[in-house]
Amino acid sequence: MKVLRLGSRGTSVRRWQMFLTGQGLYTGVIDGDFGPATAAATRAFQERWKLRTDGIVGNQCYGQAML
């Protein structure tokens, strides 16, 4: 899976934003642009599940999201 971080764009980011919205962590526009709001919601997700809080969607985030 593609690593997502600030500046990432595209369908994978859009899907991640939809996931975060479903988790109640993201309330921004689902636009496929990984900006500050998406990064903040990602950090909140990471904090919730006691993952490394770096705002980057990598293997740990994807793994937790799939549970």
C-alpha atoms as a PDB file:
ATOM      1  CA  MET A   1       0.000   0.000   0.000  1.00  0.00           C
ATOM      2  CA  LYS A   2       1.098   3.518  -0.734  1.00  0.00           C
ATOM      3  CA  VAL A   3       2.437   5.598   2.172  1.00  0.00           C
ATOM      4  CA  LEU A   4       0.363   8.760   2.637  1.00  0.00           C
ATOM      5  CA  ARG A   5       1.653  11.995   4.175  1.00  0.00           C
ATOM      6  CA  LEU A   6       1.423  15.757   3.856  1.00  0.00           C
ATOM      7  CA  GLY A   7       1.431  16.624   0.180  1.00  0.00           C
ATOM      8  CA  SER A   8       0.096  13.247  -1.005  1.00  0.00           C
ATOM      9  CA  ARG A   9      -2.806  13.419  -3.446  1.00  0.00           C
ATOM     10  CA  GLY A  10      -5.179  11.106  -5.215  1.00  0.00           C
ATOM     11  CA  THR A  11      -7.643   8.298  -4.761  1.00  0.00           C
ATOM     12  CA  SER A  12      -5.772   6.679  -1.859  1.00  0.00           C
ATOM     13  CA  VAL A  13      -5.951   9.933   0.096  1.00  0.00           C
ATOM     14  CA  ARG A  14      -9.649  10.272  -0.707  1.00  0.00           C
ATOM     15  CA  ARG A  15     -10.282   6.765   0.638  1.00  0.00           C
ATOM     16  CA  TRP A  16      -8.283   7.533   3.795  1.00  0.00           C
ATOM     17  CA  GLN A  17     -10.270  10.737   4.316  1.00  0.00           C
ATOM     18  CA  MET A  18     -13.530   8.775   3.969  1.00  0.00           C
ATOM     19  CA  PHE A  19     -12.264   6.244   6.513  1.00  0.00           C
ATOM     20  CA  LEU A  20     -11.306   9.013   8.965  1.00  0.00           C
ATOM     21  CA  THR A  21     -14.720  10.616   8.464  1.00  0.00           C
ATOM     22  CA  GLY A  22     -16.371   7.310   9.366  1.00  0.00           C
ATOM     23  CA  GLN A  23     -14.212   7.197  12.505  1.00  0.00           C
ATOM     24  CA  GLY A  24     -15.463  10.659  13.488  1.00  0.00           C
ATOM     25  CA  LEU A  25     -11.960  12.117  13.213  1.00  0.00           C
ATOM     26  CA  TYR A  26     -12.133  14.121   9.985  1.00  0.00           C
ATOM     27  CA  THR A  27     -14.767  16.723   9.150  1.00  0.00           C
ATOM     28  CA  GLY A  28     -13.072  18.388   6.203  1.00  0.00           C
ATOM     29  CA  VAL A  29     -13.760  18.141   2.504  1.00  0.00           C
ATOM     30  CA  ILE A  30     -12.996  14.762   0.937  1.00  0.00           C
ATOM     31  CA  ASP A  31     -10.824  16.116  -1.836  1.00  0.00           C
ATOM     32  CA  GLY A  32      -7.912  13.684  -2.122  1.00  0.00           C
ATOM     33  CA  ASP A  33      -5.436  16.269  -0.831  1.00  0.00           C
ATOM     34  CA  PHE A  34      -3.508  15.216   2.297  1.00  0.00           C
ATOM     35  CA  GLY A  35      -3.267  18.584   3.977  1.00  0.00           C
ATOM     36  CA  PRO A  36      -3.013  19.738   7.603  1.00  0.00           C
ATOM     37  CA  ALA A  37      -6.567  18.674   8.519  1.00  0.00           C
ATOM     38  CA  THR A  38      -6.013  15.147   7.198  1.00  0.00           C
ATOM     39  CA  ALA A  39      -2.674  14.967   9.005  1.00  0.00           C
ATOM     40  CA  ALA A  40      -4.306  16.075  12.276  1.00  0.00           C
ATOM     41  CA  ALA A  41      -7.063  13.472  11.899  1.00  0.00           C
ATOM     42  CA  THR A  42      -4.432  10.843  11.141  1.00  0.00           C
ATOM     43  CA  ARG A  43      -2.535  11.768  14.307  1.00  0.00           C
ATOM     44  CA  ALA A  44      -5.793  11.501  16.278  1.00  0.00           C
ATOM     45  CA  PHE A  45      -6.330   8.013  14.829  1.00  0.00           C
ATOM     46  CA  GLN A  46      -2.784   7.056  15.763  1.00  0.00           C
ATOM     47  CA  GLU A  47      -3.206   8.390  19.294  1.00  0.00           C
ATOM     48  CA  ARG A  48      -6.498   6.519  19.705  1.00  0.00           C
ATOM     49  CA  TRP A  49      -4.799   3.214  18.901  1.00  0.00           C
ATOM     50  CA  LYS A  50      -1.471   3.980  20.627  1.00  0.00           C
ATOM     51  CA  LEU A  51       0.488   3.964  17.370  1.00  0.00           C
ATOM     52  CA  ARG A  52       3.480   6.127  16.561  1.00  0.00           C
ATOM     53  CA  THR A  53       1.980   9.609  16.245  1.00  0.00           C
ATOM     54  CA  ASP A  54       3.663  10.995  13.155  1.00  0.00           C
ATOM     55  CA  GLY A  55       0.721  11.828  10.885  1.00  0.00           C
ATOM     56  CA  ILE A  56       1.989   9.398   8.240  1.00  0.00           C
ATOM     57  CA  VAL A  57      -0.216   6.563   7.012  1.00  0.00           C
ATOM     58  CA  GLY A  58       2.047   3.530   6.749  1.00  0.00           C
ATOM     59  CA  ASN A  59       1.882  -0.153   7.620  1.00  0.00           C
ATOM     60  CA  GLN A  60       0.800   0.323  11.252  1.00  0.00           C
ATOM     61  CA  CYS A  61      -2.049   2.693  10.358  1.00  0.00           C
ATOM     62  CA  TYR A  62      -3.264   0.532   7.509  1.00  0.00           C
ATOM     63  CA  GLY A  63      -3.062  -2.560   9.697  1.00  0.00           C
ATOM     64  CA  GLN A  64      -5.095  -0.981  12.494  1.00  0.00           C
ATOM     65  CA  ALA A  65      -7.618   0.392  10.012  1.00  0.00           C
ATOM     66  CA  MET A  66      -8.216  -3.106   8.632  1.00  0.00           C
ATOM     67  CA  LEU A  67      -9.148  -4.571  12.030  1.00  0.00           C
END
